[in-house]
């Protein structure tokens, strides 16, 4: 069976996918498989992004980055569920992050 894209999944399917990936990530972490764990973490972040509304994220705003509380992210523009912008400590490097990794400050 061909894997559906996250953009094609219903909310229920996304939540099932996240639960399955979370379990796989937990097992990979227990077995010390760091690279595999990191891959699952990225997939989880992507799936979670599709549960959020991109319109809730505003260009020009600053956000904290999940898992990197020391970095502030300035959102320049949105493309689907990706926020494009830069970390304040590295303003010359544009990056794209799934919106699920962004947290409102305050």
C-alpha atoms as a PDB file:
ATOM      1  CA  UNK A   1       0.000   0.000   0.000  1.00  0.00           C
ATOM      2  CA  UNK A   2       1.301   3.420  -0.917  1.00  0.00           C
ATOM      3  CA  UNK A   3       1.927   5.785   1.984  1.00  0.00           C
ATOM      4  CA  UNK A   4      -0.389   8.808   2.046  1.00  0.00           C
ATOM      5  CA  UNK A   5       1.148  12.246   2.279  1.00  0.00           C
ATOM      6  CA  UNK A   6       0.535  14.036   5.556  1.00  0.00           C
ATOM      7  CA  UNK A   7      -1.290  16.757   3.589  1.00  0.00           C
ATOM      8  CA  UNK A   8      -3.796  14.118   2.410  1.00  0.00           C
ATOM      9  CA  UNK A   9      -4.487  12.635   5.857  1.00  0.00           C
ATOM     10  CA  UNK A  10      -7.447  13.406   8.072  1.00  0.00           C
ATOM     11  CA  UNK A  11      -6.915  14.678  11.618  1.00  0.00           C
ATOM     12  CA  UNK A  12      -7.585  11.145  12.924  1.00  0.00           C
ATOM     13  CA  UNK A  13      -5.048   9.615  10.507  1.00  0.00           C
ATOM     14  CA  UNK A  14      -2.438  12.205  11.476  1.00  0.00           C
ATOM     15  CA  UNK A  15      -2.948  11.452  15.178  1.00  0.00           C
ATOM     16  CA  UNK A  16      -2.610   7.707  14.476  1.00  0.00           C
ATOM     17  CA  UNK A  17       0.582   8.369  12.496  1.00  0.00           C
ATOM     18  CA  UNK A  18       2.008  10.522  15.304  1.00  0.00           C
ATOM     19  CA  UNK A  19       1.237   7.803  17.881  1.00  0.00           C
ATOM     20  CA  UNK A  20       2.923   5.146  15.711  1.00  0.00           C
ATOM     21  CA  UNK A  21       5.977   7.342  15.050  1.00  0.00           C
ATOM     22  CA  UNK A  22       6.221   8.237  18.746  1.00  0.00           C
ATOM     23  CA  UNK A  23       6.331   4.544  19.639  1.00  0.00           C
ATOM     24  CA  UNK A  24       9.001   3.881  16.991  1.00  0.00           C
ATOM     25  CA  UNK A  25      11.010   6.865  18.266  1.00  0.00           C
ATOM     26  CA  UNK A  26      10.756   5.567  21.840  1.00  0.00           C
ATOM     27  CA  UNK A  27      12.051   2.156  20.780  1.00  0.00           C
ATOM     28  CA  UNK A  28      14.878   3.679  18.734  1.00  0.00           C
ATOM     29  CA  UNK A  29      15.871   5.831  21.708  1.00  0.00           C
ATOM     30  CA  UNK A  30      15.853   2.799  24.041  1.00  0.00           C
ATOM     31  CA  UNK A  31      18.091   0.917  21.619  1.00  0.00           C
ATOM     32  CA  UNK A  32      20.483   3.873  21.345  1.00  0.00           C
ATOM     33  CA  UNK A  33      19.744   4.392  17.645  1.00  0.00           C
ATOM     34  CA  UNK A  34      20.344   8.144  17.646  1.00  0.00           C
ATOM     35  CA  UNK A  35      20.028   8.741  13.891  1.00  0.00           C
ATOM     36  CA  UNK A  36      16.815   6.710  13.601  1.00  0.00           C
ATOM     37  CA  UNK A  37      15.390   8.528  16.627  1.00  0.00           C
ATOM     38  CA  UNK A  38      16.167  11.899  14.986  1.00  0.00           C
ATOM     39  CA  UNK A  39      14.400  10.822  11.766  1.00  0.00           C
ATOM     40  CA  UNK A  40      11.248   9.870  13.715  1.00  0.00           C
ATOM     41  CA  UNK A  41      11.359  13.155  15.627  1.00  0.00           C
ATOM     42  CA  UNK A  42      11.431  15.086  12.322  1.00  0.00           C
ATOM     43  CA  UNK A  43       8.536  13.017  10.935  1.00  0.00           C
ATOM     44  CA  UNK A  44       6.520  13.645  14.115  1.00  0.00           C
ATOM     45  CA  UNK A  45       7.137  17.404  13.811  1.00  0.00           C
ATOM     46  CA  UNK A  46       5.996  17.315  10.177  1.00  0.00           C
ATOM     47  CA  UNK A  47       2.818  15.352  10.970  1.00  0.00           C
ATOM     48  CA  UNK A  48       2.005  17.700  13.881  1.00  0.00           C
ATOM     49  CA  UNK A  49       2.432  20.705  11.585  1.00  0.00           C
ATOM     50  CA  UNK A  50      -0.548  19.504   9.534  1.00  0.00           C
ATOM     51  CA  UNK A  51      -2.731  19.605  12.658  1.00  0.00           C
ATOM     52  CA  UNK A  52      -2.075  23.347  13.014  1.00  0.00           C
ATOM     53  CA  UNK A  53      -3.452  26.327  11.131  1.00  0.00           C
ATOM     54  CA  UNK A  54      -0.713  28.162   9.184  1.00  0.00           C
ATOM     55  CA  UNK A  55      -2.804  31.357   9.470  1.00  0.00           C
ATOM     56  CA  UNK A  56      -2.029  31.383  13.214  1.00  0.00           C
ATOM     57  CA  UNK A  57       1.601  32.235  12.398  1.00  0.00           C
ATOM     58  CA  UNK A  58       2.328  35.817  11.424  1.00  0.00           C
ATOM     59  CA  UNK A  59       5.259  37.158   9.373  1.00  0.00           C
ATOM     60  CA  UNK A  60       7.314  39.631  11.374  1.00  0.00           C
ATOM     61  CA  UNK A  61       6.620  37.850  14.661  1.00  0.00           C
ATOM     62  CA  UNK A  62       9.248  36.208  16.859  1.00  0.00           C
ATOM     63  CA  UNK A  63       8.812  32.628  18.067  1.00  0.00           C
ATOM     64  CA  UNK A  64      10.668  30.276  20.363  1.00  0.00           C
ATOM     65  CA  UNK A  65      11.884  27.065  18.732  1.00  0.00           C
ATOM     66  CA  UNK A  66      10.826  23.767  20.305  1.00  0.00           C
ATOM     67  CA  UNK A  67      13.907  21.964  21.604  1.00  0.00           C
ATOM     68  CA  UNK A  68      16.072  25.075  21.209  1.00  0.00           C
ATOM     69  CA  UNK A  69      14.835  27.540  23.844  1.00  0.00           C
ATOM     70  CA  UNK A  70      17.939  29.732  23.490  1.00  0.00           C
ATOM     71  CA  UNK A  71      17.080  30.571  19.857  1.00  0.00           C
ATOM     72  CA  UNK A  72      14.482  33.061  18.766  1.00  0.00           C
ATOM     73  CA  UNK A  73      13.087  32.692  15.258  1.00  0.00           C
ATOM     74  CA  UNK A  74      11.862  35.635  13.184  1.00  0.00           C
ATOM     75  CA  UNK A  75       9.173  34.524  10.759  1.00  0.00           C
ATOM     76  CA  UNK A  76       9.606  36.123   7.340  1.00  0.00           C
ATOM     77  CA  UNK A  77       6.945  34.279   5.327  1.00  0.00           C
ATOM     78  CA  UNK A  78       4.850  31.117   5.220  1.00  0.00           C
ATOM     79  CA  UNK A  79       4.844  28.386   2.592  1.00  0.00           C
ATOM     80  CA  UNK A  80       2.262  25.726   3.457  1.00  0.00           C
ATOM     81  CA  UNK A  81       3.096  24.383   6.930  1.00  0.00           C
ATOM     82  CA  UNK A  82       6.651  25.732   6.760  1.00  0.00           C
ATOM     83  CA  UNK A  83       7.738  28.967   8.378  1.00  0.00           C
ATOM     84  CA  UNK A  84      10.645  30.617   6.580  1.00  0.00           C
ATOM     85  CA  UNK A  85      12.865  33.022   8.421  1.00  0.00           C
ATOM     86  CA  UNK A  86      15.998  33.096  10.519  1.00  0.00           C
ATOM     87  CA  UNK A  87      17.298  32.562  14.031  1.00  0.00           C
ATOM     88  CA  UNK A  88      18.227  35.865  15.660  1.00  0.00           C
ATOM     89  CA  UNK A  89      21.674  34.497  16.511  1.00  0.00           C
ATOM     90  CA  UNK A  90      22.238  33.705  12.804  1.00  0.00           C
ATOM     91  CA  UNK A  91      20.391  36.375  10.763  1.00  0.00           C
ATOM     92  CA  UNK A  92      22.263  35.637   7.537  1.00  0.00           C
ATOM     93  CA  UNK A  93      21.020  32.048   7.258  1.00  0.00           C
ATOM     94  CA  UNK A  94      17.435  31.548   6.089  1.00  0.00           C
ATOM     95  CA  UNK A  95      15.834  28.356   7.374  1.00  0.00           C
ATOM     96  CA  UNK A  96      12.459  26.647   7.001  1.00  0.00           C
ATOM     97  CA  UNK A  97      10.863  25.039  10.041  1.00  0.00           C
ATOM     98  CA  UNK A  98       7.614  23.099  10.357  1.00  0.00           C
ATOM     99  CA  UNK A  99       5.194  25.325  12.259  1.00  0.00           C
ATOM    100  CA  UNK A 100       4.845  22.626  14.924  1.00  0.00           C
ATOM    101  CA  UNK A 101       8.339  23.589  16.150  1.00  0.00           C
ATOM    102  CA  UNK A 102       7.357  27.212  16.776  1.00  0.00           C
ATOM    103  CA  UNK A 103       6.000  28.449  20.076  1.00  0.00           C
ATOM    104  CA  UNK A 104       4.526  31.870  20.765  1.00  0.00           C
ATOM    105  CA  UNK A 105       6.582  33.845  23.222  1.00  0.00           C
ATOM    106  CA  UNK A 106       5.190  34.940  26.537  1.00  0.00           C
END
